[in-house]
Amino acid sequence: MYSGHTSGRVVRTGSSALPYKVMMTPAAHPGKEPGFATMREAEAFIRRSTPPSRPALSTLYDRAAGES
């Protein structure tokens, strides 16, 4: 449905029914900005619709001193 999106952000719309909407980037489908009743629902949608972020550090640093 929202394939190709790399990130998203939540914006407040002011609407009483669905006060939050998600803006996905890149905006391949303008006008398809789903609305949500809560910020939590909107953030969950972004997590489901975008690829997981890569770890900031290599897992090499997750070892105890002296381990190879």
Protein backbone atom coordinates (compact mmCIF):
# COMPACT_ATOMS: atom_id res chain seq x y z
CA MET A 1 0.00 0.00 0.00
CA TYR A 2 2.68 2.53 0.97
CA SER A 3 5.72 0.75 -0.46
CA GLY A 4 8.70 2.88 -1.35
CA HIS A 5 8.35 5.24 1.57
CA THR A 6 11.45 5.78 3.64
CA SER A 7 10.06 7.86 6.49
CA GLY A 8 6.99 9.60 7.79
CA ARG A 9 5.93 12.32 10.18
CA VAL A 10 2.81 13.07 12.16
CA VAL A 11 1.09 16.45 11.80
CA ARG A 12 -1.84 17.87 13.73
CA THR A 13 -4.71 18.86 11.44
CA GLY A 14 -7.15 20.55 13.81
CA SER A 15 -9.98 18.25 12.76
CA SER A 16 -12.00 16.99 15.70
CA ALA A 17 -12.67 13.51 14.24
CA LEU A 18 -9.13 12.65 13.10
CA PRO A 19 -6.78 15.29 14.52
CA TYR A 20 -3.53 13.64 13.31
CA LYS A 21 -2.40 12.69 9.82
CA VAL A 22 0.71 11.00 8.52
CA MET A 23 2.85 12.57 5.80
CA MET A 24 5.01 9.90 4.16
CA THR A 25 8.23 10.66 2.26
CA PRO A 26 8.93 10.49 -0.54
CA ALA A 27 5.41 11.62 -1.32
CA ALA A 28 4.75 9.22 -4.20
CA HIS A 29 0.98 9.44 -3.67
CA PRO A 30 0.02 12.97 -2.61
CA GLY A 31 -3.47 13.10 -1.21
CA LYS A 32 -3.14 9.68 0.46
CA GLU A 33 -2.38 11.01 3.91
CA PRO A 34 -4.28 8.78 6.33
CA GLY A 35 -5.90 10.35 9.39
CA PHE A 36 -5.79 8.96 12.93
CA ALA A 37 -7.57 9.67 16.20
CA THR A 38 -4.40 9.49 18.32
CA MET A 39 -0.71 10.24 17.94
CA ARG A 40 0.06 6.67 19.05
CA GLU A 41 -1.97 5.21 16.16
CA ALA A 42 -0.22 7.48 13.66
CA GLU A 43 3.25 6.55 14.96
CA ALA A 44 2.38 2.83 14.79
CA PHE A 45 1.31 3.29 11.17
CA ILE A 46 4.68 4.86 10.33
CA ARG A 47 6.54 1.98 12.00
CA ARG A 48 4.52 -0.55 9.98
CA SER A 49 4.89 1.35 6.69
CA THR A 50 8.61 2.12 6.66
CA PRO A 51 11.66 -0.15 6.66
CA PRO A 52 13.45 -0.64 9.99
CA SER A 53 16.34 1.71 10.59
CA ARG A 54 19.85 0.32 10.53
CA PRO A 55 21.78 0.15 13.79
CA ALA A 56 23.99 3.18 14.43
CA LEU A 57 26.96 1.08 15.53
CA SER A 58 28.31 -2.22 14.36
CA THR A 59 27.45 -5.25 16.50
CA LEU A 60 31.21 -5.68 16.87
CA TYR A 61 30.98 -3.26 19.79
CA ASP A 62 28.46 -5.51 21.64
CA ARG A 63 31.16 -7.93 22.79
CA ALA A 64 32.96 -8.09 26.10
CA ALA A 65 36.59 -7.04 26.21
CA GLY A 66 38.86 -9.87 25.09
CA GLU A 67 36.26 -11.63 22.90
CA SER A 68 36.98 -12.05 19.22
